[in-house]
Amino acid sequence: MSTETTRDDQPTLSDSRGPTRGESDAEVTTEVVETDENVEWVEAEHAVRYVAAWKHTNHEEVQEGAKPEREPVYETIPFEQWARTEAFTAAARAAAEHANGALGTDEVGGGITSSVDGTDLAPFVSVQTVLDREGEPVSETSVTFDQLVAVTPATVAVTYRLDDQSVQLEPPIYARYSVLQQA
């Protein structure tokens, strides 16, 4: 939900805040069971095999107007690394859903980031304001940064399952308010 607002104190890029650890003690849990047919458990390697890219098999024909034919390019990754990323993504979605419910909005999104000091990866929730080239709001969130931090769960308990493998994590969740300017 975006709103256009006119006010004396227009937001600026320097108004961006976070990431800051969520403060809510809400007990948020989620479970993800992998259903992607292009993701599979490789027991011999204790790894996950997944489609990393698609490549054309008929490049010359495509240049002549034919419909592209593609085939998958597979890679493997250690299960713990894959599961952690998938679990953090699910935790961010669950935290955003919780924050949206607590705030009565649909403005809160989520994701994972490497921009939290002291960690290589962290789930976060966020809201944003978008400015045009002149610095005027194009869309502005109705959620303040302090409100977002207050309703963001401090952690989310998440379980990720792939075949008979699973991982349970309880990562800390961070909140972020971004002001973006169109180029």
N, C-alpha and C. Protein backbone atom coordinates (compact mmCIF):
# COMPACT_ATOMS: atom_id res chain seq x y z
N MET A 1 0.85 -1.16 0.00
CA MET A 1 0.00 0.00 0.00
C MET A 1 0.90 1.22 0.00
N SER A 2 0.83 2.03 -1.03
CA SER A 2 1.64 3.23 -1.13
C SER A 2 0.72 4.43 -1.06
N THR A 3 1.20 5.47 -0.44
CA THR A 3 0.42 6.70 -0.35
C THR A 3 1.28 7.86 -0.81
N GLU A 4 0.62 8.83 -1.43
CA GLU A 4 1.33 10.05 -1.80
C GLU A 4 1.07 11.07 -0.71
N THR A 5 2.11 11.72 -0.24
CA THR A 5 2.00 12.63 0.88
C THR A 5 2.67 13.95 0.54
N THR A 6 2.05 15.04 0.96
CA THR A 6 2.68 16.35 0.84
C THR A 6 2.89 16.86 2.25
N ARG A 7 4.12 17.26 2.57
CA ARG A 7 4.43 17.75 3.90
C ARG A 7 5.66 18.64 3.84
N ASP A 8 5.90 19.35 4.93
CA ASP A 8 7.02 20.27 4.97
C ASP A 8 8.36 19.55 5.08
N ASP A 9 8.42 18.47 5.84
CA ASP A 9 9.69 17.76 6.06
C ASP A 9 9.78 16.54 5.16
N GLN A 10 10.10 16.77 3.89
CA GLN A 10 10.20 15.69 2.92
C GLN A 10 11.30 14.71 3.30
N PRO A 11 11.07 13.42 3.09
CA PRO A 11 12.13 12.45 3.38
C PRO A 11 13.31 12.63 2.43
N THR A 12 14.47 12.28 2.92
CA THR A 12 15.67 12.34 2.11
C THR A 12 16.38 10.99 2.20
N LEU A 13 17.36 10.79 1.33
CA LEU A 13 18.10 9.53 1.33
C LEU A 13 18.74 9.26 2.69
N SER A 14 19.12 10.32 3.39
CA SER A 14 19.77 10.14 4.69
C SER A 14 18.80 9.68 5.78
N ASP A 15 17.49 9.62 5.47
CA ASP A 15 16.51 9.14 6.44
C ASP A 15 16.48 7.61 6.52
N SER A 16 17.17 6.92 5.62
CA SER A 16 17.23 5.46 5.68
C SER A 16 17.79 5.03 7.03
N ARG A 17 17.22 3.97 7.59
CA ARG A 17 17.67 3.50 8.91
C ARG A 17 17.71 1.98 8.94
N GLY A 18 18.57 1.46 9.82
CA GLY A 18 18.67 0.03 10.00
C GLY A 18 19.86 -0.51 9.23
N PRO A 19 20.12 -1.78 9.31
CA PRO A 19 19.30 -2.77 9.98
C PRO A 19 19.43 -2.70 11.51
N THR A 20 18.29 -2.86 12.17
CA THR A 20 18.21 -2.86 13.63
C THR A 20 17.45 -4.11 14.06
N ARG A 21 17.92 -4.76 15.08
CA ARG A 21 17.31 -5.99 15.57
C ARG A 21 15.87 -5.75 15.99
N GLY A 22 14.96 -6.65 15.58
CA GLY A 22 13.56 -6.57 15.97
C GLY A 22 13.41 -6.68 17.47
N GLU A 23 12.37 -6.03 18.01
CA GLU A 23 12.17 -5.98 19.46
C GLU A 23 10.97 -6.77 19.96
N SER A 24 10.12 -7.26 19.07
CA SER A 24 8.92 -7.96 19.52
C SER A 24 9.27 -9.34 20.07
N ASP A 25 8.61 -9.70 21.18
CA ASP A 25 8.83 -11.04 21.74
C ASP A 25 7.79 -12.04 21.22
N ALA A 26 7.12 -11.69 20.13
CA ALA A 26 6.14 -12.60 19.52
C ALA A 26 6.83 -13.91 19.13
N GLU A 27 6.14 -15.01 19.36
CA GLU A 27 6.67 -16.32 18.97
C GLU A 27 6.19 -16.64 17.57
N VAL A 28 7.07 -16.45 16.61
CA VAL A 28 6.75 -16.68 15.21
C VAL A 28 7.50 -17.93 14.76
N THR A 29 6.76 -18.86 14.16
CA THR A 29 7.37 -20.09 13.66
C THR A 29 6.92 -20.34 12.23
N THR A 30 7.75 -21.05 11.49
CA THR A 30 7.39 -21.42 10.13
C THR A 30 8.13 -22.70 9.75
N GLU A 31 7.56 -23.43 8.82
CA GLU A 31 8.20 -24.64 8.32
C GLU A 31 8.10 -24.65 6.81
N VAL A 32 9.19 -25.02 6.16
CA VAL A 32 9.24 -25.11 4.71
C VAL A 32 9.61 -26.53 4.33
N VAL A 33 8.78 -27.14 3.50
CA VAL A 33 9.08 -28.44 2.94
C VAL A 33 9.36 -28.20 1.47
N GLU A 34 10.57 -28.53 1.04
CA GLU A 34 10.98 -28.27 -0.34
C GLU A 34 10.13 -29.07 -1.31
N THR A 35 9.53 -28.38 -2.28
CA THR A 35 8.70 -29.04 -3.29
C THR A 35 9.19 -28.77 -4.71
N ASP A 36 10.25 -27.99 -4.86
CA ASP A 36 10.76 -27.66 -6.19
C ASP A 36 11.33 -28.93 -6.83
N GLU A 37 10.80 -29.30 -7.96
CA GLU A 37 11.27 -30.52 -8.64
C GLU A 37 12.69 -30.41 -9.15
N ASN A 38 13.23 -29.19 -9.20
CA ASN A 38 14.61 -28.97 -9.65
C ASN A 38 15.60 -28.91 -8.50
N VAL A 39 15.16 -29.26 -7.31
CA VAL A 39 16.01 -29.29 -6.13
C VAL A 39 15.96 -30.71 -5.57
N GLU A 40 17.13 -31.32 -5.41
CA GLU A 40 17.14 -32.70 -4.90
C GLU A 40 18.30 -32.94 -3.95
N TRP A 41 18.08 -33.85 -3.03
CA TRP A 41 19.05 -34.27 -2.04
C TRP A 41 20.00 -35.29 -2.69
N VAL A 42 21.30 -35.08 -2.53
CA VAL A 42 22.30 -36.01 -3.04
C VAL A 42 23.00 -36.61 -1.82
N GLU A 43 22.55 -37.78 -1.43
CA GLU A 43 23.02 -38.39 -0.18
C GLU A 43 24.53 -38.63 -0.19
N ALA A 44 25.08 -39.12 -1.28
CA ALA A 44 26.51 -39.45 -1.35
C ALA A 44 27.40 -38.24 -1.07
N GLU A 45 26.91 -37.05 -1.38
CA GLU A 45 27.70 -35.83 -1.19
C GLU A 45 27.22 -34.99 -0.02
N HIS A 46 26.15 -35.43 0.63
CA HIS A 46 25.48 -34.64 1.67
C HIS A 46 25.30 -33.21 1.15
N ALA A 47 24.68 -33.15 -0.04
CA ALA A 47 24.56 -31.88 -0.74
C ALA A 47 23.20 -31.77 -1.41
N VAL A 48 22.94 -30.59 -1.93
CA VAL A 48 21.73 -30.31 -2.68
C VAL A 48 22.13 -30.05 -4.13
N ARG A 49 21.43 -30.70 -5.03
CA ARG A 49 21.62 -30.47 -6.46
C ARG A 49 20.46 -29.60 -6.92
N TYR A 50 20.79 -28.51 -7.61
CA TYR A 50 19.76 -27.57 -8.02
C TYR A 50 20.09 -27.00 -9.40
N VAL A 51 19.09 -26.41 -10.04
CA VAL A 51 19.30 -25.78 -11.34
C VAL A 51 19.88 -24.39 -11.09
N ALA A 52 21.12 -24.21 -11.50
CA ALA A 52 21.80 -22.93 -11.30
C ALA A 52 21.56 -21.99 -12.49
N ALA A 53 21.27 -22.56 -13.65
CA ALA A 53 21.03 -21.75 -14.85
C ALA A 53 20.36 -22.62 -15.90
N TRP A 54 19.87 -21.98 -16.93
CA TRP A 54 19.33 -22.67 -18.10
C TRP A 54 20.13 -22.20 -19.32
N LYS A 55 20.42 -23.13 -20.21
CA LYS A 55 21.15 -22.74 -21.42
C LYS A 55 20.37 -23.17 -22.65
N HIS A 56 20.54 -22.37 -23.72
CA HIS A 56 19.90 -22.72 -24.98
C HIS A 56 20.62 -23.92 -25.59
N THR A 57 19.85 -24.81 -26.16
CA THR A 57 20.46 -25.92 -26.88
C THR A 57 20.37 -25.73 -28.39
N ASN A 58 19.61 -24.71 -28.79
CA ASN A 58 19.42 -24.47 -30.22
C ASN A 58 19.67 -23.00 -30.55
N HIS A 59 20.83 -22.49 -30.15
CA HIS A 59 21.14 -21.08 -30.30
C HIS A 59 21.03 -20.61 -31.76
N GLU A 60 21.58 -21.36 -32.69
CA GLU A 60 21.54 -20.95 -34.10
C GLU A 60 20.11 -20.89 -34.62
N GLU A 61 19.28 -21.86 -34.23
CA GLU A 61 17.89 -21.87 -34.67
C GLU A 61 17.12 -20.68 -34.09
N VAL A 62 17.43 -20.31 -32.83
CA VAL A 62 16.77 -19.17 -32.19
C VAL A 62 17.09 -17.88 -32.95
N GLN A 63 18.34 -17.75 -33.41
CA GLN A 63 18.72 -16.56 -34.18
C GLN A 63 17.93 -16.48 -35.49
N GLU A 64 17.46 -17.62 -35.96
CA GLU A 64 16.67 -17.65 -37.20
C GLU A 64 15.18 -17.61 -36.92
N GLY A 65 14.80 -17.39 -35.63
CA GLY A 65 13.39 -17.21 -35.30
C GLY A 65 12.71 -18.40 -34.65
N ALA A 66 13.43 -19.49 -34.45
CA ALA A 66 12.82 -20.67 -33.81
C ALA A 66 12.62 -20.42 -32.32
N LYS A 67 11.73 -21.19 -31.77
CA LYS A 67 11.46 -21.11 -30.33
C LYS A 67 12.66 -21.71 -29.57
N PRO A 68 13.09 -21.04 -28.48
CA PRO A 68 14.25 -21.56 -27.75
C PRO A 68 13.95 -22.90 -27.04
N GLU A 69 14.93 -23.75 -27.08
CA GLU A 69 14.89 -24.99 -26.31
C GLU A 69 15.97 -24.85 -25.24
N ARG A 70 15.61 -25.19 -24.01
CA ARG A 70 16.55 -25.00 -22.91
C ARG A 70 16.81 -26.32 -22.20
N GLU A 71 17.98 -26.36 -21.59
CA GLU A 71 18.29 -27.49 -20.72
C GLU A 71 18.93 -26.93 -19.45
N PRO A 72 18.70 -27.61 -18.34
CA PRO A 72 19.21 -27.11 -17.07
C PRO A 72 20.71 -27.32 -16.92
N VAL A 73 21.33 -26.42 -16.18
CA VAL A 73 22.73 -26.55 -15.78
C VAL A 73 22.68 -26.73 -14.26
N TYR A 74 23.10 -27.90 -13.81
CA TYR A 74 23.01 -28.23 -12.39
C TYR A 74 24.31 -27.92 -11.65
N GLU A 75 24.15 -27.54 -10.40
CA GLU A 75 25.28 -27.38 -9.48
C GLU A 75 24.88 -28.03 -8.17
N THR A 76 25.88 -28.28 -7.33
CA THR A 76 25.59 -28.80 -5.99
C THR A 76 26.17 -27.84 -4.96
N ILE A 77 25.58 -27.89 -3.78
CA ILE A 77 25.98 -27.04 -2.67
C ILE A 77 25.79 -27.85 -1.39
N PRO A 78 26.65 -27.70 -0.40
CA PRO A 78 26.47 -28.44 0.84
C PRO A 78 25.08 -28.18 1.43
N PHE A 79 24.46 -29.22 1.94
CA PHE A 79 23.10 -29.11 2.47
C PHE A 79 22.97 -28.01 3.50
N GLU A 80 23.90 -27.92 4.44
CA GLU A 80 23.79 -26.92 5.50
C GLU A 80 23.75 -25.50 4.94
N GLN A 81 24.55 -25.23 3.93
CA GLN A 81 24.57 -23.90 3.32
C GLN A 81 23.25 -23.61 2.61
N TRP A 82 22.77 -24.57 1.82
CA TRP A 82 21.50 -24.41 1.11
C TRP A 82 20.35 -24.23 2.10
N ALA A 83 20.29 -25.11 3.08
CA ALA A 83 19.19 -25.09 4.04
C ALA A 83 19.17 -23.79 4.85
N ARG A 84 20.33 -23.29 5.21
CA ARG A 84 20.40 -22.03 5.97
C ARG A 84 19.83 -20.88 5.16
N THR A 85 20.21 -20.78 3.89
CA THR A 85 19.70 -19.72 3.04
C THR A 85 18.19 -19.83 2.87
N GLU A 86 17.70 -21.04 2.61
CA GLU A 86 16.26 -21.24 2.45
C GLU A 86 15.51 -20.95 3.75
N ALA A 87 16.09 -21.36 4.89
CA ALA A 87 15.45 -21.11 6.18
C ALA A 87 15.41 -19.62 6.49
N PHE A 88 16.49 -18.91 6.20
CA PHE A 88 16.52 -17.47 6.45
C PHE A 88 15.49 -16.74 5.58
N THR A 89 15.35 -17.19 4.34
CA THR A 89 14.35 -16.59 3.45
C THR A 89 12.95 -16.82 4.00
N ALA A 90 12.68 -18.03 4.48
CA ALA A 90 11.37 -18.34 5.06
C ALA A 90 11.15 -17.55 6.35
N ALA A 91 12.18 -17.37 7.14
CA ALA A 91 12.06 -16.59 8.38
C ALA A 91 11.72 -15.14 8.06
N ALA A 92 12.34 -14.58 7.03
CA ALA A 92 12.05 -13.20 6.63
C ALA A 92 10.60 -13.07 6.17
N ARG A 93 10.11 -14.03 5.39
CA ARG A 93 8.71 -14.00 4.95
C ARG A 93 7.76 -14.07 6.14
N ALA A 94 8.04 -14.97 7.09
CA ALA A 94 7.18 -15.12 8.26
C ALA A 94 7.21 -13.85 9.12
N ALA A 95 8.38 -13.24 9.27
CA ALA A 95 8.49 -12.01 10.05
C ALA A 95 7.74 -10.87 9.38
N ALA A 96 7.83 -10.77 8.05
CA ALA A 96 7.11 -9.73 7.32
C ALA A 96 5.60 -9.93 7.45
N GLU A 97 5.16 -11.17 7.34
CA GLU A 97 3.73 -11.47 7.51
C GLU A 97 3.26 -11.07 8.91
N HIS A 98 4.06 -11.40 9.91
CA HIS A 98 3.72 -11.02 11.29
C HIS A 98 3.65 -9.50 11.42
N ALA A 99 4.65 -8.79 10.91
CA ALA A 99 4.69 -7.33 11.01
C ALA A 99 3.51 -6.70 10.29
N ASN A 100 3.18 -7.19 9.10
CA ASN A 100 2.03 -6.67 8.37
C ASN A 100 0.75 -6.85 9.18
N GLY A 101 0.59 -8.03 9.79
CA GLY A 101 -0.60 -8.27 10.60
C GLY A 101 -0.66 -7.36 11.81
N ALA A 102 0.47 -7.17 12.47
CA ALA A 102 0.52 -6.33 13.67
C ALA A 102 0.26 -4.87 13.33
N LEU A 103 0.68 -4.44 12.16
CA LEU A 103 0.53 -3.04 11.75
C LEU A 103 -0.74 -2.79 10.93
N GLY A 104 -1.42 -3.85 10.52
CA GLY A 104 -2.61 -3.68 9.70
C GLY A 104 -2.30 -3.11 8.33
N THR A 105 -1.24 -3.60 7.72
CA THR A 105 -0.79 -3.09 6.43
C THR A 105 -0.32 -4.24 5.56
N ASP A 106 0.06 -3.93 4.34
CA ASP A 106 0.71 -4.90 3.47
C ASP A 106 2.01 -4.32 2.91
N GLU A 107 2.53 -3.30 3.57
CA GLU A 107 3.71 -2.59 3.11
C GLU A 107 5.04 -3.26 3.46
N VAL A 108 5.03 -4.15 4.44
CA VAL A 108 6.28 -4.74 4.93
C VAL A 108 6.68 -5.92 4.06
N GLY A 109 7.90 -5.87 3.56
CA GLY A 109 8.47 -6.97 2.79
C GLY A 109 9.62 -7.57 3.56
N GLY A 110 10.24 -8.58 3.00
CA GLY A 110 11.35 -9.21 3.69
C GLY A 110 12.34 -9.81 2.73
N GLY A 111 13.50 -10.16 3.26
CA GLY A 111 14.54 -10.77 2.45
C GLY A 111 15.71 -11.16 3.32
N ILE A 112 16.83 -11.43 2.68
CA ILE A 112 18.06 -11.72 3.41
C ILE A 112 19.13 -10.76 2.94
N THR A 113 20.06 -10.45 3.84
CA THR A 113 21.08 -9.46 3.53
C THR A 113 22.42 -9.88 4.12
N SER A 114 23.46 -9.32 3.56
CA SER A 114 24.80 -9.51 4.11
C SER A 114 25.30 -8.21 4.74
N SER A 115 24.39 -7.25 4.95
CA SER A 115 24.81 -5.94 5.45
C SER A 115 24.61 -5.75 6.95
N VAL A 116 24.53 -6.84 7.70
CA VAL A 116 24.44 -6.74 9.15
C VAL A 116 25.83 -7.02 9.72
N ASP A 117 26.36 -6.07 10.47
CA ASP A 117 27.70 -6.23 11.05
C ASP A 117 27.77 -7.48 11.91
N GLY A 118 28.85 -8.22 11.76
CA GLY A 118 29.09 -9.40 12.58
C GLY A 118 28.45 -10.67 12.07
N THR A 119 27.79 -10.62 10.92
CA THR A 119 27.18 -11.82 10.37
C THR A 119 27.32 -11.82 8.86
N ASP A 120 27.39 -13.00 8.28
CA ASP A 120 27.51 -13.08 6.83
C ASP A 120 26.16 -13.05 6.13
N LEU A 121 25.08 -13.37 6.86
CA LEU A 121 23.76 -13.44 6.28
C LEU A 121 22.73 -13.25 7.38
N ALA A 122 21.69 -12.46 7.11
CA ALA A 122 20.66 -12.24 8.11
C ALA A 122 19.31 -11.98 7.45
N PRO A 123 18.23 -12.50 8.03
CA PRO A 123 16.90 -12.17 7.54
C PRO A 123 16.48 -10.78 8.02
N PHE A 124 15.69 -10.08 7.19
CA PHE A 124 15.24 -8.75 7.58
C PHE A 124 13.83 -8.50 7.05
N VAL A 125 13.17 -7.50 7.65
CA VAL A 125 11.93 -6.97 7.13
C VAL A 125 12.19 -5.51 6.77
N SER A 126 11.39 -4.98 5.86
CA SER A 126 11.66 -3.60 5.44
C SER A 126 10.42 -2.91 4.92
N VAL A 127 10.48 -1.59 4.99
CA VAL A 127 9.53 -0.70 4.32
C VAL A 127 10.36 0.32 3.58
N GLN A 128 9.74 0.98 2.60
CA GLN A 128 10.52 1.95 1.84
C GLN A 128 9.68 3.11 1.36
N THR A 129 10.36 4.21 1.14
CA THR A 129 9.81 5.40 0.52
C THR A 129 10.60 5.61 -0.76
N VAL A 130 9.91 5.94 -1.84
CA VAL A 130 10.56 6.17 -3.12
C VAL A 130 10.39 7.64 -3.50
N LEU A 131 11.51 8.28 -3.86
CA LEU A 131 11.53 9.68 -4.26
C LEU A 131 11.76 9.77 -5.77
N ASP A 132 11.19 10.82 -6.39
CA ASP A 132 11.49 11.04 -7.80
C ASP A 132 12.85 11.72 -7.93
N ARG A 133 13.22 12.08 -9.13
CA ARG A 133 14.54 12.67 -9.37
C ARG A 133 14.74 13.99 -8.62
N GLU A 134 13.66 14.70 -8.38
CA GLU A 134 13.75 15.98 -7.68
C GLU A 134 13.68 15.83 -6.17
N GLY A 135 13.52 14.62 -5.68
CA GLY A 135 13.46 14.39 -4.24
C GLY A 135 12.07 14.43 -3.64
N GLU A 136 11.05 14.47 -4.49
CA GLU A 136 9.66 14.46 -4.02
C GLU A 136 9.18 13.01 -3.91
N PRO A 137 8.40 12.70 -2.86
CA PRO A 137 7.91 11.32 -2.69
C PRO A 137 7.01 10.87 -3.84
N VAL A 138 7.32 9.71 -4.38
CA VAL A 138 6.47 9.05 -5.37
C VAL A 138 5.54 8.10 -4.62
N SER A 139 6.11 7.37 -3.69
CA SER A 139 5.34 6.53 -2.78
C SER A 139 6.03 6.60 -1.42
N GLU A 140 5.21 6.63 -0.40
CA GLU A 140 5.77 6.78 0.94
C GLU A 140 5.07 5.82 1.88
N THR A 141 5.84 5.11 2.65
CA THR A 141 5.27 4.17 3.60
C THR A 141 4.58 4.93 4.73
N SER A 142 3.52 4.32 5.25
CA SER A 142 2.85 4.89 6.41
C SER A 142 3.44 4.34 7.71
N VAL A 143 4.36 3.39 7.58
CA VAL A 143 4.98 2.74 8.74
C VAL A 143 6.26 3.48 9.10
N THR A 144 6.38 3.87 10.36
CA THR A 144 7.63 4.51 10.80
C THR A 144 8.65 3.43 11.13
N PHE A 145 9.90 3.82 11.12
CA PHE A 145 10.96 2.88 11.46
C PHE A 145 10.77 2.34 12.88
N ASP A 146 10.44 3.21 13.83
CA ASP A 146 10.24 2.77 15.22
C ASP A 146 9.10 1.78 15.34
N GLN A 147 8.01 2.00 14.59
CA GLN A 147 6.90 1.03 14.59
C GLN A 147 7.36 -0.31 14.05
N LEU A 148 8.13 -0.27 12.96
CA LEU A 148 8.60 -1.50 12.34
C LEU A 148 9.49 -2.29 13.30
N VAL A 149 10.43 -1.63 13.94
CA VAL A 149 11.32 -2.30 14.89
C VAL A 149 10.51 -2.91 16.03
N ALA A 150 9.51 -2.18 16.51
CA ALA A 150 8.71 -2.64 17.66
C ALA A 150 7.92 -3.91 17.35
N VAL A 151 7.43 -4.07 16.10
CA VAL A 151 6.61 -5.25 15.78
C VAL A 151 7.41 -6.37 15.12
N THR A 152 8.66 -6.10 14.77
CA THR A 152 9.49 -7.14 14.16
C THR A 152 9.91 -8.14 15.22
N PRO A 153 9.63 -9.43 14.99
CA PRO A 153 10.04 -10.42 16.00
C PRO A 153 11.56 -10.44 16.15
N ALA A 154 12.01 -10.61 17.39
CA ALA A 154 13.45 -10.68 17.64
C ALA A 154 14.05 -11.90 16.94
N THR A 155 13.30 -12.98 16.88
CA THR A 155 13.72 -14.20 16.18
C THR A 155 12.51 -14.86 15.54
N VAL A 156 12.76 -15.76 14.62
CA VAL A 156 11.72 -16.63 14.04
C VAL A 156 12.26 -18.05 14.09
N ALA A 157 11.47 -18.96 14.62
CA ALA A 157 11.84 -20.37 14.64
C ALA A 157 11.42 -20.98 13.30
N VAL A 158 12.39 -21.51 12.58
CA VAL A 158 12.11 -22.02 11.24
C VAL A 158 12.69 -23.42 11.08
N THR A 159 11.94 -24.26 10.39
CA THR A 159 12.39 -25.60 10.02
C THR A 159 12.35 -25.71 8.51
N TYR A 160 13.45 -26.19 7.93
CA TYR A 160 13.52 -26.42 6.49
C TYR A 160 13.72 -27.92 6.28
N ARG A 161 12.91 -28.52 5.39
CA ARG A 161 12.98 -29.95 5.11
C ARG A 161 13.17 -30.22 3.62
N LEU A 162 14.09 -31.13 3.34
CA LEU A 162 14.32 -31.62 1.99
C LEU A 162 14.49 -33.13 2.10
N ASP A 163 13.55 -33.87 1.53
CA ASP A 163 13.52 -35.32 1.68
C ASP A 163 13.57 -35.67 3.17
N ASP A 164 14.54 -36.50 3.58
CA ASP A 164 14.61 -36.86 5.00
C ASP A 164 15.60 -36.00 5.78
N GLN A 165 16.07 -34.92 5.15
CA GLN A 165 16.99 -34.00 5.81
C GLN A 165 16.22 -32.78 6.33
N SER A 166 16.66 -32.25 7.45
CA SER A 166 16.03 -31.03 7.95
C SER A 166 17.02 -30.24 8.78
N VAL A 167 16.71 -28.97 8.92
CA VAL A 167 17.49 -28.09 9.77
C VAL A 167 16.49 -27.19 10.51
N GLN A 168 16.79 -26.94 11.77
CA GLN A 168 15.97 -26.03 12.57
C GLN A 168 16.86 -24.89 13.03
N LEU A 169 16.42 -23.67 12.77
CA LEU A 169 17.19 -22.48 13.12
C LEU A 169 16.27 -21.46 13.78
N GLU A 170 16.86 -20.56 14.52
CA GLU A 170 16.11 -19.46 15.11
C GLU A 170 16.94 -18.17 14.93
N PRO A 171 16.98 -17.69 13.68
CA PRO A 171 17.83 -16.53 13.39
C PRO A 171 17.24 -15.23 13.95
N PRO A 172 18.11 -14.30 14.31
CA PRO A 172 17.63 -12.96 14.68
C PRO A 172 17.08 -12.27 13.43
N ILE A 173 16.08 -11.43 13.63
CA ILE A 173 15.45 -10.71 12.53
C ILE A 173 15.74 -9.22 12.69
N TYR A 174 16.02 -8.57 11.58
CA TYR A 174 16.37 -7.16 11.57
C TYR A 174 15.32 -6.36 10.80
N ALA A 175 15.22 -5.08 11.13
CA ALA A 175 14.28 -4.17 10.47
C ALA A 175 15.07 -3.09 9.74
N ARG A 176 14.54 -2.67 8.59
CA ARG A 176 15.22 -1.67 7.79
C ARG A 176 14.19 -0.74 7.13
N TYR A 177 14.46 0.55 7.16
CA TYR A 177 13.66 1.56 6.47
C TYR A 177 14.55 2.18 5.40
N SER A 178 14.11 2.12 4.15
CA SER A 178 14.93 2.61 3.04
C SER A 178 14.24 3.76 2.34
N VAL A 179 15.02 4.77 2.01
CA VAL A 179 14.55 5.84 1.14
C VAL A 179 15.36 5.70 -0.15
N LEU A 180 14.66 5.48 -1.25
CA LEU A 180 15.29 5.26 -2.55
C LEU A 180 14.92 6.41 -3.47
N GLN A 181 15.85 6.80 -4.34
CA GLN A 181 15.57 7.87 -5.29
C GLN A 181 15.69 7.33 -6.70
N GLN A 182 14.67 7.65 -7.51
CA GLN A 182 14.69 7.21 -8.90
C GLN A 182 15.81 7.92 -9.65
N ALA A 183 16.41 7.21 -10.58
CA ALA A 183 17.51 7.79 -11.37
C ALA A 183 17.00 8.56 -12.55
